[in-house]
Structures are given as C-alpha cells and as structure tokens.
N, C-alpha and C. Protein backbone atom coordinates (compact mmCIF):
# COMPACT_ATOMS: atom_id res chain seq x y z
N MET A 1 4.69 7.34 26.87
CA MET A 1 4.75 7.87 25.54
C MET A 1 5.05 6.72 24.57
N ALA A 2 4.27 6.62 23.51
CA ALA A 2 4.44 5.55 22.54
C ALA A 2 5.58 5.88 21.58
N LEU A 3 6.30 4.86 21.20
CA LEU A 3 7.35 5.02 20.20
C LEU A 3 6.75 4.80 18.82
N GLU A 4 7.11 5.65 17.90
CA GLU A 4 6.60 5.54 16.55
C GLU A 4 7.63 4.79 15.72
N ARG A 5 7.15 3.82 14.94
CA ARG A 5 8.05 3.02 14.13
C ARG A 5 7.76 3.29 12.67
N ARG A 6 8.70 3.87 11.98
CA ARG A 6 8.55 4.17 10.57
C ARG A 6 9.53 3.34 9.76
N LEU A 7 9.06 2.79 8.68
CA LEU A 7 9.91 2.04 7.79
C LEU A 7 9.92 2.74 6.44
N SER A 8 11.05 2.78 5.82
CA SER A 8 11.18 3.40 4.51
C SER A 8 10.83 2.40 3.43
N ARG A 9 10.29 2.89 2.32
CA ARG A 9 10.01 2.03 1.18
C ARG A 9 11.30 1.37 0.68
N ALA A 10 12.42 2.05 0.86
CA ALA A 10 13.71 1.52 0.40
C ALA A 10 14.10 0.23 1.13
N MET A 11 13.49 -0.06 2.25
CA MET A 11 13.81 -1.27 3.01
C MET A 11 13.16 -2.52 2.41
N PHE A 12 12.27 -2.35 1.44
CA PHE A 12 11.52 -3.46 0.88
C PHE A 12 11.78 -3.61 -0.61
N LEU A 13 11.77 -4.83 -1.09
CA LEU A 13 11.76 -5.07 -2.53
C LEU A 13 10.35 -4.81 -3.03
N SER A 14 10.20 -4.36 -4.26
CA SER A 14 8.84 -4.08 -4.76
C SER A 14 8.01 -5.35 -4.88
N SER A 15 8.67 -6.52 -4.96
CA SER A 15 7.95 -7.79 -5.06
C SER A 15 7.78 -8.48 -3.71
N GLU A 16 8.22 -7.84 -2.62
CA GLU A 16 8.13 -8.43 -1.28
C GLU A 16 6.71 -8.28 -0.72
N VAL A 17 6.20 -9.34 -0.11
CA VAL A 17 4.88 -9.30 0.51
C VAL A 17 5.01 -8.69 1.90
N VAL A 18 4.22 -7.63 2.16
CA VAL A 18 4.24 -6.93 3.44
C VAL A 18 2.82 -6.86 3.99
N GLU A 19 2.71 -6.47 5.25
CA GLU A 19 1.39 -6.36 5.87
C GLU A 19 1.05 -4.91 6.14
N LEU A 20 -0.11 -4.48 5.65
CA LEU A 20 -0.65 -3.16 5.96
C LEU A 20 -1.49 -3.33 7.21
N ARG A 21 -1.14 -2.65 8.30
CA ARG A 21 -1.79 -2.87 9.59
C ARG A 21 -3.07 -2.08 9.77
N GLN A 22 -3.22 -0.94 9.09
CA GLN A 22 -4.40 -0.10 9.24
C GLN A 22 -4.89 0.33 7.87
N VAL A 23 -6.10 0.85 7.83
CA VAL A 23 -6.65 1.39 6.59
C VAL A 23 -5.80 2.57 6.15
N CYS A 24 -5.53 2.66 4.86
CA CYS A 24 -4.75 3.77 4.30
C CYS A 24 -5.59 4.44 3.21
N PHE A 25 -5.91 5.71 3.42
CA PHE A 25 -6.70 6.47 2.46
C PHE A 25 -5.77 7.28 1.57
N THR A 26 -5.99 7.21 0.26
CA THR A 26 -5.29 8.06 -0.68
C THR A 26 -6.36 8.72 -1.55
N PRO A 27 -6.03 9.79 -2.26
CA PRO A 27 -7.04 10.43 -3.12
C PRO A 27 -7.63 9.48 -4.17
N GLY A 28 -6.86 8.50 -4.60
CA GLY A 28 -7.34 7.61 -5.65
C GLY A 28 -7.85 6.26 -5.20
N ARG A 29 -7.54 5.86 -3.96
CA ARG A 29 -7.89 4.49 -3.56
C ARG A 29 -7.90 4.34 -2.04
N LEU A 30 -8.64 3.37 -1.58
CA LEU A 30 -8.68 2.98 -0.17
C LEU A 30 -7.98 1.63 -0.06
N PHE A 31 -6.98 1.53 0.78
CA PHE A 31 -6.26 0.27 1.00
C PHE A 31 -6.71 -0.31 2.33
N GLU A 32 -7.30 -1.48 2.29
CA GLU A 32 -7.75 -2.19 3.49
C GLU A 32 -6.55 -2.89 4.14
N PRO A 33 -6.59 -3.13 5.45
CA PRO A 33 -5.52 -3.89 6.10
C PRO A 33 -5.41 -5.29 5.48
N GLY A 34 -4.19 -5.77 5.37
CA GLY A 34 -3.96 -7.09 4.80
C GLY A 34 -2.57 -7.19 4.20
N LYS A 35 -2.37 -8.22 3.39
CA LYS A 35 -1.07 -8.47 2.78
C LYS A 35 -1.06 -7.91 1.36
N TYR A 36 0.01 -7.20 1.03
CA TYR A 36 0.18 -6.58 -0.28
C TYR A 36 1.62 -6.73 -0.73
N LEU A 37 1.85 -6.59 -2.02
CA LEU A 37 3.20 -6.45 -2.52
C LEU A 37 3.64 -5.02 -2.18
N ALA A 38 4.87 -4.85 -1.75
CA ALA A 38 5.34 -3.53 -1.33
C ALA A 38 5.21 -2.51 -2.45
N GLY A 39 5.38 -2.92 -3.68
CA GLY A 39 5.28 -2.01 -4.81
C GLY A 39 3.87 -1.50 -5.07
N GLU A 40 2.84 -2.16 -4.52
CA GLU A 40 1.45 -1.76 -4.73
C GLU A 40 1.00 -0.66 -3.77
N LEU A 41 1.70 -0.52 -2.65
CA LEU A 41 1.28 0.44 -1.63
C LEU A 41 1.85 1.82 -1.89
N PRO A 42 1.12 2.88 -1.51
CA PRO A 42 1.62 4.24 -1.71
C PRO A 42 2.72 4.59 -0.70
N ASP A 43 3.53 5.56 -1.04
CA ASP A 43 4.62 6.00 -0.16
C ASP A 43 4.12 6.42 1.22
N ILE A 44 2.95 7.03 1.26
CA ILE A 44 2.43 7.54 2.53
C ILE A 44 2.20 6.42 3.55
N ALA A 45 1.87 5.22 3.09
CA ALA A 45 1.68 4.09 3.99
C ALA A 45 2.98 3.75 4.72
N PHE A 46 4.10 3.86 4.01
CA PHE A 46 5.40 3.60 4.63
C PHE A 46 5.80 4.75 5.56
N GLU A 47 5.55 5.99 5.10
CA GLU A 47 5.92 7.17 5.88
C GLU A 47 5.14 7.26 7.19
N MET A 48 3.88 6.79 7.18
CA MET A 48 3.05 6.84 8.38
C MET A 48 3.28 5.65 9.30
N GLY A 49 4.12 4.69 8.90
CA GLY A 49 4.41 3.53 9.73
C GLY A 49 3.31 2.50 9.74
N LEU A 50 2.53 2.41 8.67
CA LEU A 50 1.42 1.46 8.61
C LEU A 50 1.83 0.10 8.05
N VAL A 51 3.04 -0.02 7.56
CA VAL A 51 3.51 -1.23 6.89
C VAL A 51 4.52 -1.96 7.76
N GLU A 52 4.39 -3.29 7.82
CA GLU A 52 5.35 -4.10 8.57
C GLU A 52 5.83 -5.25 7.72
N LYS A 53 7.07 -5.64 7.96
CA LYS A 53 7.61 -6.83 7.32
C LYS A 53 6.90 -8.05 7.90
N LEU A 54 6.69 -9.05 7.08
CA LEU A 54 6.13 -10.30 7.58
C LEU A 54 7.24 -11.16 8.13
N PRO A 55 6.95 -11.96 9.14
CA PRO A 55 7.98 -12.87 9.66
C PRO A 55 8.33 -13.90 8.59
N PRO A 56 9.50 -14.50 8.70
CA PRO A 56 9.88 -15.52 7.72
C PRO A 56 8.83 -16.64 7.65
N VAL A 57 8.63 -17.13 6.45
CA VAL A 57 7.63 -18.17 6.23
C VAL A 57 8.22 -19.53 6.55
N ARG A 58 7.47 -20.31 7.32
CA ARG A 58 7.88 -21.69 7.59
C ARG A 58 7.11 -22.59 6.66
N GLY A 59 7.80 -23.48 6.03
CA GLY A 59 7.13 -24.38 5.11
C GLY A 59 7.17 -23.83 3.69
N ASN A 60 6.12 -24.08 2.93
CA ASN A 60 6.07 -23.73 1.53
C ASN A 60 5.62 -22.28 1.34
N SER A 61 6.45 -21.45 0.73
CA SER A 61 6.11 -20.04 0.54
C SER A 61 5.04 -19.86 -0.53
N ASP A 62 4.69 -20.89 -1.27
CA ASP A 62 3.63 -20.80 -2.27
C ASP A 62 2.25 -20.64 -1.62
N ASP A 63 2.16 -20.86 -0.31
CA ASP A 63 0.88 -20.72 0.39
C ASP A 63 0.46 -19.26 0.51
N ILE A 64 1.41 -18.33 0.38
CA ILE A 64 1.09 -16.90 0.48
C ILE A 64 0.96 -16.34 -0.93
N SER A 65 -0.16 -15.72 -1.19
CA SER A 65 -0.36 -15.09 -2.49
C SER A 65 -0.87 -13.67 -2.27
N PRO A 66 -0.55 -12.76 -3.20
CA PRO A 66 -1.04 -11.39 -3.04
C PRO A 66 -2.55 -11.32 -3.12
N PRO A 67 -3.17 -10.31 -2.50
CA PRO A 67 -4.63 -10.20 -2.52
C PRO A 67 -5.14 -9.95 -3.94
N PRO A 68 -6.35 -10.41 -4.25
CA PRO A 68 -6.91 -10.18 -5.59
C PRO A 68 -7.15 -8.70 -5.83
N GLN A 69 -6.93 -8.27 -7.06
CA GLN A 69 -7.14 -6.87 -7.42
C GLN A 69 -8.60 -6.64 -7.77
N PRO A 70 -9.19 -5.52 -7.30
CA PRO A 70 -10.61 -5.25 -7.61
C PRO A 70 -10.81 -4.87 -9.06
C-alpha cells in the first residue's frame, strides 16, 4: 500500500520556489510539471500532494528563476 504525502500551503512562503510533480488541471488553467512560486499554484495542487519542496540550492541561487508566464 502506497503512502500518500500531502503538504499544506501553509508550509511554504508565497515567494518560495517549489516543484509541481504532475499536471494539475483547474477550471481556469492547466499547470504543467515544473518549478513555480508557491503563491502561483492553486490550493488543490497542495491538497492532492502534487507539490514538493526543492532541496537546498548549492552554489548561486540566482541560477533558479521562476518559469515564464504565458
């Protein structure tokens, strides 16, 4: 039996970069897997356990930038 891992939105800063592991469908938008600011993702992505914290960055954190907005 698989263990389900759910993270609450409250665990993240809205400016924190997180990883969306799977496609997330909402009535207004489709979110592709990738790196996003936690504040950009819908609550359902956190409730379904699709979001993970990124490991600490080694080196210059300026190398990570949020994905371009369509």
